[in-house]
ModelCIF file with pLDDT and N, C-alpha, C, O atoms, coordinates in Angstrom:
data_MODEL
#
_entry.id   MODEL 
#
_entity.id                         1 
_entity.type                       polymer 
_entity.pdbx_number_of_molecules   1 
#
_entity_poly.entity_id                      1 
_entity_poly.type                           'polypeptide(L)' 
_entity_poly.nstd_linkage                   no 
_entity_poly.nstd_monomer                   no 
_entity_poly.pdbx_seq_one_letter_code       
;(UNK)(UNK)(UNK)(UNK)(UNK)(UNK)(UNK)(UNK)(UNK)(UNK)(UNK)(UNK)(UNK)(UNK)(UNK)(UNK)
(UNK)(UNK)(UNK)(UNK)(UNK)(UNK)(UNK)(UNK)(UNK)(UNK)(UNK)(UNK)(UNK)(UNK)(UNK)(UNK)
(UNK)
;
_entity_poly.pdbx_seq_one_letter_code_can   XXXXXXXXXXXXXXXXXXXXXXXXXXXXXXXXX 
_entity_poly.pdbx_strand_id                 A 
#
loop_
_entity_poly_seq.entity_id 
_entity_poly_seq.num 
_entity_poly_seq.mon_id 
_entity_poly_seq.hetero 
1 1  UNK n 
1 2  UNK n 
1 3  UNK n 
1 4  UNK n 
1 5  UNK n 
1 6  UNK n 
1 7  UNK n 
1 8  UNK n 
1 9  UNK n 
1 10 UNK n 
1 11 UNK n 
1 12 UNK n 
1 13 UNK n 
1 14 UNK n 
1 15 UNK n 
1 16 UNK n 
1 17 UNK n 
1 18 UNK n 
1 19 UNK n 
1 20 UNK n 
1 21 UNK n 
1 22 UNK n 
1 23 UNK n 
1 24 UNK n 
1 25 UNK n 
1 26 UNK n 
1 27 UNK n 
1 28 UNK n 
1 29 UNK n 
1 30 UNK n 
1 31 UNK n 
1 32 UNK n 
1 33 UNK n 
#
_struct_asym.id          A 
_struct_asym.entity_id   1 
#
loop_
_ma_qa_metric.id 
_ma_qa_metric.mode 
_ma_qa_metric.name 
_ma_qa_metric.software_group_id 
_ma_qa_metric.type 
1 global pLDDT . pLDDT 
2 local  pLDDT . pLDDT 
#
_ma_qa_metric_global.metric_id      1 
_ma_qa_metric_global.metric_value   97.03 
_ma_qa_metric_global.model_id       1 
_ma_qa_metric_global.ordinal_id     1 
#
loop_
_ma_qa_metric_local.label_asym_id 
_ma_qa_metric_local.label_comp_id 
_ma_qa_metric_local.label_seq_id 
_ma_qa_metric_local.metric_id 
_ma_qa_metric_local.metric_value 
_ma_qa_metric_local.model_id 
_ma_qa_metric_local.ordinal_id 
A UNK 1  2 97.00 1 1  
A UNK 2  2 97.00 1 2  
A UNK 3  2 98.00 1 3  
A UNK 4  2 98.00 1 4  
A UNK 5  2 97.00 1 5  
A UNK 6  2 96.00 1 6  
A UNK 7  2 97.00 1 7  
A UNK 8  2 98.00 1 8  
A UNK 9  2 98.00 1 9  
A UNK 10 2 98.00 1 10 
A UNK 11 2 98.00 1 11 
A UNK 12 2 96.00 1 12 
A UNK 13 2 96.00 1 13 
A UNK 14 2 94.00 1 14 
A UNK 15 2 96.00 1 15 
A UNK 16 2 95.00 1 16 
A UNK 17 2 97.00 1 17 
A UNK 18 2 98.00 1 18 
A UNK 19 2 98.00 1 19 
A UNK 20 2 98.00 1 20 
A UNK 21 2 98.00 1 21 
A UNK 22 2 98.00 1 22 
A UNK 23 2 97.00 1 23 
A UNK 24 2 95.00 1 24 
A UNK 25 2 97.00 1 25 
A UNK 26 2 96.00 1 26 
A UNK 27 2 96.00 1 27 
A UNK 28 2 97.00 1 28 
A UNK 29 2 97.00 1 29 
A UNK 30 2 98.00 1 30 
A UNK 31 2 98.00 1 31 
A UNK 32 2 98.00 1 32 
A UNK 33 2 97.00 1 33 
#
loop_
_atom_site.group_PDB 
_atom_site.id 
_atom_site.type_symbol 
_atom_site.label_atom_id 
_atom_site.label_alt_id 
_atom_site.label_comp_id 
_atom_site.label_asym_id 
_atom_site.label_entity_id 
_atom_site.label_seq_id 
_atom_site.pdbx_PDB_ins_code 
_atom_site.Cartn_x 
_atom_site.Cartn_y 
_atom_site.Cartn_z 
_atom_site.occupancy 
_atom_site.B_iso_or_equiv 
_atom_site.pdbx_formal_charge 
_atom_site.auth_seq_id 
_atom_site.auth_comp_id 
_atom_site.auth_asym_id 
_atom_site.auth_atom_id 
_atom_site.pdbx_PDB_model_num 
ATOM 1   N N  . UNK A 1 1  ? 0.826  -1.237  -0.010  1.00 97.00 ? 1  UNK A N  1 
ATOM 2   C CA . UNK A 1 1  ? 0.038  -0.004  -0.007  1.00 97.00 ? 1  UNK A CA 1 
ATOM 3   C C  . UNK A 1 1  ? 0.902  1.201   -0.037  1.00 97.00 ? 1  UNK A C  1 
ATOM 4   O O  . UNK A 1 1  ? 0.654  2.119   -0.819  1.00 97.00 ? 1  UNK A O  1 
ATOM 5   N N  . UNK A 1 2  ? 1.988  1.238   0.849   1.00 97.00 ? 2  UNK A N  1 
ATOM 6   C CA . UNK A 1 2  ? 2.834  2.613   0.858   1.00 97.00 ? 2  UNK A CA 1 
ATOM 7   C C  . UNK A 1 2  ? 3.516  2.937   -0.383  1.00 97.00 ? 2  UNK A C  1 
ATOM 8   O O  . UNK A 1 2  ? 3.651  4.089   -0.794  1.00 97.00 ? 2  UNK A O  1 
ATOM 9   N N  . UNK A 1 3  ? 4.015  1.716   -1.070  1.00 98.00 ? 3  UNK A N  1 
ATOM 10  C CA . UNK A 1 3  ? 4.646  1.873   -2.351  1.00 98.00 ? 3  UNK A CA 1 
ATOM 11  C C  . UNK A 1 3  ? 3.642  2.068   -3.306  1.00 98.00 ? 3  UNK A C  1 
ATOM 12  O O  . UNK A 1 3  ? 3.854  2.969   -4.118  1.00 98.00 ? 3  UNK A O  1 
ATOM 13  N N  . UNK A 1 4  ? 2.523  1.391   -3.409  1.00 98.00 ? 4  UNK A N  1 
ATOM 14  C CA . UNK A 1 4  ? 1.417  1.453   -4.457  1.00 98.00 ? 4  UNK A CA 1 
ATOM 15  C C  . UNK A 1 4  ? 0.676  2.709   -4.495  1.00 98.00 ? 4  UNK A C  1 
ATOM 16  O O  . UNK A 1 4  ? 0.186  3.109   -5.551  1.00 98.00 ? 4  UNK A O  1 
ATOM 17  N N  . UNK A 1 5  ? 0.565  3.366   -3.377  1.00 97.00 ? 5  UNK A N  1 
ATOM 18  C CA . UNK A 1 5  ? -0.027 4.691   -3.457  1.00 97.00 ? 5  UNK A CA 1 
ATOM 19  C C  . UNK A 1 5  ? 0.921  5.754   -4.127  1.00 97.00 ? 5  UNK A C  1 
ATOM 20  O O  . UNK A 1 5  ? 0.460  6.825   -4.520  1.00 97.00 ? 5  UNK A O  1 
ATOM 21  N N  . UNK A 1 6  ? 2.201  5.451   -4.244  1.00 96.00 ? 6  UNK A N  1 
ATOM 22  C CA . UNK A 1 6  ? 2.964  6.287   -4.985  1.00 96.00 ? 6  UNK A CA 1 
ATOM 23  C C  . UNK A 1 6  ? 3.539  5.721   -6.470  1.00 96.00 ? 6  UNK A C  1 
ATOM 24  O O  . UNK A 1 6  ? 4.587  6.045   -7.028  1.00 96.00 ? 6  UNK A O  1 
ATOM 25  N N  . UNK A 1 7  ? 2.614  4.868   -6.877  1.00 97.00 ? 7  UNK A N  1 
ATOM 26  C CA . UNK A 1 7  ? 2.690  4.397   -8.341  1.00 97.00 ? 7  UNK A CA 1 
ATOM 27  C C  . UNK A 1 7  ? 3.765  3.182   -8.455  1.00 97.00 ? 7  UNK A C  1 
ATOM 28  O O  . UNK A 1 7  ? 4.214  2.940   -9.575  1.00 97.00 ? 7  UNK A O  1 
ATOM 29  N N  . UNK A 1 8  ? 4.193  2.414   -7.354  1.00 98.00 ? 8  UNK A N  1 
ATOM 30  C CA . UNK A 1 8  ? 5.039  1.427   -7.458  1.00 98.00 ? 8  UNK A CA 1 
ATOM 31  C C  . UNK A 1 8  ? 4.413  -0.020  -7.225  1.00 98.00 ? 8  UNK A C  1 
ATOM 32  O O  . UNK A 1 8  ? 3.228  -0.142  -6.915  1.00 98.00 ? 8  UNK A O  1 
ATOM 33  N N  . UNK A 1 9  ? 5.169  -0.988  -7.371  1.00 98.00 ? 9  UNK A N  1 
ATOM 34  C CA . UNK A 1 9  ? 4.705  -2.268  -7.170  1.00 98.00 ? 9  UNK A CA 1 
ATOM 35  C C  . UNK A 1 9  ? 5.779  -2.976  -6.108  1.00 98.00 ? 9  UNK A C  1 
ATOM 36  O O  . UNK A 1 9  ? 6.981  -2.716  -6.048  1.00 98.00 ? 9  UNK A O  1 
ATOM 37  N N  . UNK A 1 10 ? 5.217  -3.719  -5.473  1.00 98.00 ? 10 UNK A N  1 
ATOM 38  C CA . UNK A 1 10 ? 5.921  -4.581  -4.486  1.00 98.00 ? 10 UNK A CA 1 
ATOM 39  C C  . UNK A 1 10 ? 5.668  -6.024  -4.685  1.00 98.00 ? 10 UNK A C  1 
ATOM 40  O O  . UNK A 1 10 ? 4.514  -6.414  -4.863  1.00 98.00 ? 10 UNK A O  1 
ATOM 41  N N  . UNK A 1 11 ? 6.739  -6.902  -4.666  1.00 98.00 ? 11 UNK A N  1 
ATOM 42  C CA . UNK A 1 11 ? 6.559  -8.314  -4.720  1.00 98.00 ? 11 UNK A CA 1 
ATOM 43  C C  . UNK A 1 11 ? 7.218  -9.000  -3.482  1.00 98.00 ? 11 UNK A C  1 
ATOM 44  O O  . UNK A 1 11 ? 8.281  -8.590  -3.015  1.00 98.00 ? 11 UNK A O  1 
ATOM 45  N N  . UNK A 1 12 ? 6.530  -10.071 -2.972  1.00 96.00 ? 12 UNK A N  1 
ATOM 46  C CA . UNK A 1 12 ? 6.938  -10.576 -1.652  1.00 96.00 ? 12 UNK A CA 1 
ATOM 47  C C  . UNK A 1 12 ? 8.096  -11.479 -1.699  1.00 96.00 ? 12 UNK A C  1 
ATOM 48  O O  . UNK A 1 12 ? 8.759  -11.687 -0.683  1.00 96.00 ? 12 UNK A O  1 
ATOM 49  N N  . UNK A 1 13 ? 8.391  -12.062 -2.903  1.00 96.00 ? 13 UNK A N  1 
ATOM 50  C CA . UNK A 1 13 ? 9.593  -13.119 -2.932  1.00 96.00 ? 13 UNK A CA 1 
ATOM 51  C C  . UNK A 1 13 ? 9.645  -13.971 -1.727  1.00 96.00 ? 13 UNK A C  1 
ATOM 52  O O  . UNK A 1 13 ? 8.776  -14.834 -1.605  1.00 96.00 ? 13 UNK A O  1 
ATOM 53  N N  . UNK A 1 14 ? 10.487 -13.848 -0.889  1.00 94.00 ? 14 UNK A N  1 
ATOM 54  C CA . UNK A 1 14 ? 10.750 -14.523 0.380   1.00 94.00 ? 14 UNK A CA 1 
ATOM 55  C C  . UNK A 1 14 ? 10.184 -14.083 1.507   1.00 94.00 ? 14 UNK A C  1 
ATOM 56  O O  . UNK A 1 14 ? 10.359 -14.693 2.562   1.00 94.00 ? 14 UNK A O  1 
ATOM 57  N N  . UNK A 1 15 ? 9.459  -13.008 1.438   1.00 96.00 ? 15 UNK A N  1 
ATOM 58  C CA . UNK A 1 15 ? 8.949  -12.146 2.555   1.00 96.00 ? 15 UNK A CA 1 
ATOM 59  C C  . UNK A 1 15 ? 9.871  -11.539 3.354   1.00 96.00 ? 15 UNK A C  1 
ATOM 60  O O  . UNK A 1 15 ? 9.708  -10.343 3.594   1.00 96.00 ? 15 UNK A O  1 
ATOM 61  N N  . UNK A 1 16 ? 10.871 -12.154 3.849   1.00 95.00 ? 16 UNK A N  1 
ATOM 62  C CA . UNK A 1 16 ? 12.050 -11.402 4.540   1.00 95.00 ? 16 UNK A CA 1 
ATOM 63  C C  . UNK A 1 16 ? 12.918 -10.646 3.607   1.00 95.00 ? 16 UNK A C  1 
ATOM 64  O O  . UNK A 1 16 ? 13.709 -9.800  4.025   1.00 95.00 ? 16 UNK A O  1 
ATOM 65  N N  . UNK A 1 17 ? 12.793 -10.919 2.409   1.00 97.00 ? 17 UNK A N  1 
ATOM 66  C CA . UNK A 1 17 ? 13.325 -9.953  1.184   1.00 97.00 ? 17 UNK A CA 1 
ATOM 67  C C  . UNK A 1 17 ? 12.272 -9.712  0.270   1.00 97.00 ? 17 UNK A C  1 
ATOM 68  O O  . UNK A 1 17 ? 11.705 -10.681 -0.235  1.00 97.00 ? 17 UNK A O  1 
ATOM 69  N N  . UNK A 1 18 ? 11.899 -8.449  -0.039  1.00 98.00 ? 18 UNK A N  1 
ATOM 70  C CA . UNK A 1 18 ? 10.966 -7.946  -1.004  1.00 98.00 ? 18 UNK A CA 1 
ATOM 71  C C  . UNK A 1 18 ? 11.443 -7.274  -2.124  1.00 98.00 ? 18 UNK A C  1 
ATOM 72  O O  . UNK A 1 18 ? 12.484 -6.662  -1.884  1.00 98.00 ? 18 UNK A O  1 
ATOM 73  N N  . UNK A 1 19 ? 11.001 -7.170  -3.363  1.00 98.00 ? 19 UNK A N  1 
ATOM 74  C CA . UNK A 1 19 ? 11.446 -6.530  -4.336  1.00 98.00 ? 19 UNK A CA 1 
ATOM 75  C C  . UNK A 1 19 ? 10.344 -5.486  -4.931  1.00 98.00 ? 19 UNK A C  1 
ATOM 76  O O  . UNK A 1 19 ? 9.202  -5.874  -5.178  1.00 98.00 ? 19 UNK A O  1 
ATOM 77  N N  . UNK A 1 20 ? 10.731 -4.213  -5.135  1.00 98.00 ? 20 UNK A N  1 
ATOM 78  C CA . UNK A 1 20 ? 9.920  -3.310  -5.612  1.00 98.00 ? 20 UNK A CA 1 
ATOM 79  C C  . UNK A 1 20 ? 10.322 -2.612  -6.655  1.00 98.00 ? 20 UNK A C  1 
ATOM 80  O O  . UNK A 1 20 ? 11.491 -2.228  -6.692  1.00 98.00 ? 20 UNK A O  1 
ATOM 81  N N  . UNK A 1 21 ? 9.426  -2.316  -7.700  1.00 98.00 ? 21 UNK A N  1 
ATOM 82  C CA . UNK A 1 21 ? 9.654  -1.372  -8.745  1.00 98.00 ? 21 UNK A CA 1 
ATOM 83  C C  . UNK A 1 21 ? 9.168  -0.123  -8.472  1.00 98.00 ? 21 UNK A C  1 
ATOM 84  O O  . UNK A 1 21 ? 7.960  0.099   -8.401  1.00 98.00 ? 21 UNK A O  1 
ATOM 85  N N  . UNK A 1 22 ? 10.145 0.846   -8.287  1.00 98.00 ? 22 UNK A N  1 
ATOM 86  C CA . UNK A 1 22 ? 9.770  2.119   -7.449  1.00 98.00 ? 22 UNK A CA 1 
ATOM 87  C C  . UNK A 1 22 ? 9.984  3.496   -8.225  1.00 98.00 ? 22 UNK A C  1 
ATOM 88  O O  . UNK A 1 22 ? 10.162 4.592   -7.693  1.00 98.00 ? 22 UNK A O  1 
ATOM 89  N N  . UNK A 1 23 ? 9.928  3.195   -9.699  1.00 97.00 ? 23 UNK A N  1 
ATOM 90  C CA . UNK A 1 23 ? 10.061 4.491   -10.409 1.00 97.00 ? 23 UNK A CA 1 
ATOM 91  C C  . UNK A 1 23 ? 8.869  5.594   -10.056 1.00 97.00 ? 23 UNK A C  1 
ATOM 92  O O  . UNK A 1 23 ? 7.666  5.348   -10.155 1.00 97.00 ? 23 UNK A O  1 
ATOM 93  N N  . UNK A 1 24 ? 9.362  6.684   -9.685  1.00 95.00 ? 24 UNK A N  1 
ATOM 94  C CA . UNK A 1 24 ? 8.575  7.871   -9.174  1.00 95.00 ? 24 UNK A CA 1 
ATOM 95  C C  . UNK A 1 24 ? 8.634  8.050   -7.784  1.00 95.00 ? 24 UNK A C  1 
ATOM 96  O O  . UNK A 1 24 ? 7.973  8.921   -7.219  1.00 95.00 ? 24 UNK A O  1 
ATOM 97  N N  . UNK A 1 25 ? 9.437  7.227   -7.159  1.00 97.00 ? 25 UNK A N  1 
ATOM 98  C CA . UNK A 1 25 ? 9.535  7.422   -5.544  1.00 97.00 ? 25 UNK A CA 1 
ATOM 99  C C  . UNK A 1 25 ? 11.031 7.905   -5.515  1.00 97.00 ? 25 UNK A C  1 
ATOM 100 O O  . UNK A 1 25 ? 11.968 7.394   -6.129  1.00 97.00 ? 25 UNK A O  1 
ATOM 101 N N  . UNK A 1 26 ? 11.065 9.065   -4.623  1.00 96.00 ? 26 UNK A N  1 
ATOM 102 C CA . UNK A 1 26 ? 12.463 9.586   -4.495  1.00 96.00 ? 26 UNK A CA 1 
ATOM 103 C C  . UNK A 1 26 ? 13.036 9.297   -3.056  1.00 96.00 ? 26 UNK A C  1 
ATOM 104 O O  . UNK A 1 26 ? 12.317 8.665   -2.282  1.00 96.00 ? 26 UNK A O  1 
ATOM 105 N N  . UNK A 1 27 ? 14.084 9.649   -2.708  1.00 96.00 ? 27 UNK A N  1 
ATOM 106 C CA . UNK A 1 27 ? 14.683 9.336   -1.509  1.00 96.00 ? 27 UNK A CA 1 
ATOM 107 C C  . UNK A 1 27 ? 13.962 9.557   -0.249  1.00 96.00 ? 27 UNK A C  1 
ATOM 108 O O  . UNK A 1 27 ? 14.025 8.839   0.749   1.00 96.00 ? 27 UNK A O  1 
ATOM 109 N N  . UNK A 1 28 ? 13.202 10.730  -0.416  1.00 97.00 ? 28 UNK A N  1 
ATOM 110 C CA . UNK A 1 28 ? 12.310 11.108  0.727   1.00 97.00 ? 28 UNK A CA 1 
ATOM 111 C C  . UNK A 1 28 ? 11.170 10.176  1.019   1.00 97.00 ? 28 UNK A C  1 
ATOM 112 O O  . UNK A 1 28 ? 10.814 9.941   2.174   1.00 97.00 ? 28 UNK A O  1 
ATOM 113 N N  . UNK A 1 29 ? 10.574 9.620   -0.090  1.00 97.00 ? 29 UNK A N  1 
ATOM 114 C CA . UNK A 1 29 ? 9.523  8.645   -0.080  1.00 97.00 ? 29 UNK A CA 1 
ATOM 115 C C  . UNK A 1 29 ? 10.016 7.246   0.505   1.00 97.00 ? 29 UNK A C  1 
ATOM 116 O O  . UNK A 1 29 ? 9.327  6.558   1.259   1.00 97.00 ? 29 UNK A O  1 
ATOM 117 N N  . UNK A 1 30 ? 11.286 6.914   0.068   1.00 98.00 ? 30 UNK A N  1 
ATOM 118 C CA . UNK A 1 30 ? 11.830 5.752   0.827   1.00 98.00 ? 30 UNK A CA 1 
ATOM 119 C C  . UNK A 1 30 ? 11.966 5.894   2.166   1.00 98.00 ? 30 UNK A C  1 
ATOM 120 O O  . UNK A 1 30 ? 11.654 4.964   2.909   1.00 98.00 ? 30 UNK A O  1 
ATOM 121 N N  . UNK A 1 31 ? 12.459 7.101   2.662   1.00 98.00 ? 31 UNK A N  1 
ATOM 122 C CA . UNK A 1 31 ? 12.636 7.303   4.024   1.00 98.00 ? 31 UNK A CA 1 
ATOM 123 C C  . UNK A 1 31 ? 11.426 7.189   4.892   1.00 98.00 ? 31 UNK A C  1 
ATOM 124 O O  . UNK A 1 31 ? 11.415 6.611   5.979   1.00 98.00 ? 31 UNK A O  1 
ATOM 125 N N  . UNK A 1 32 ? 10.344 7.822   4.295   1.00 98.00 ? 32 UNK A N  1 
ATOM 126 C CA . UNK A 1 32 ? 9.113  7.887   4.908   1.00 98.00 ? 32 UNK A CA 1 
ATOM 127 C C  . UNK A 1 32 ? 8.523  6.510   5.040   1.00 98.00 ? 32 UNK A C  1 
ATOM 128 O O  . UNK A 1 32 ? 7.999  6.210   6.113   1.00 98.00 ? 32 UNK A O  1 
ATOM 129 N N  . UNK A 1 33 ? 8.562  5.605   4.005   1.00 97.00 ? 33 UNK A N  1 
ATOM 130 C CA . UNK A 1 33 ? 8.158  4.305   4.108   1.00 97.00 ? 33 UNK A CA 1 
ATOM 131 C C  . UNK A 1 33 ? 8.931  3.604   5.237   1.00 97.00 ? 33 UNK A C  1 
ATOM 132 O O  . UNK A 1 33 ? 8.712  2.420   5.492   1.00 97.00 ? 33 UNK A O  1 
#
């Protein structure tokens, strides 16, 4: 939800490691998440 609300996708892979496509998110977005 946090990444998706900013136009990105998150994939769960192994859950302790997840992979996101985050085009459109800047450093401040990542820090807030």
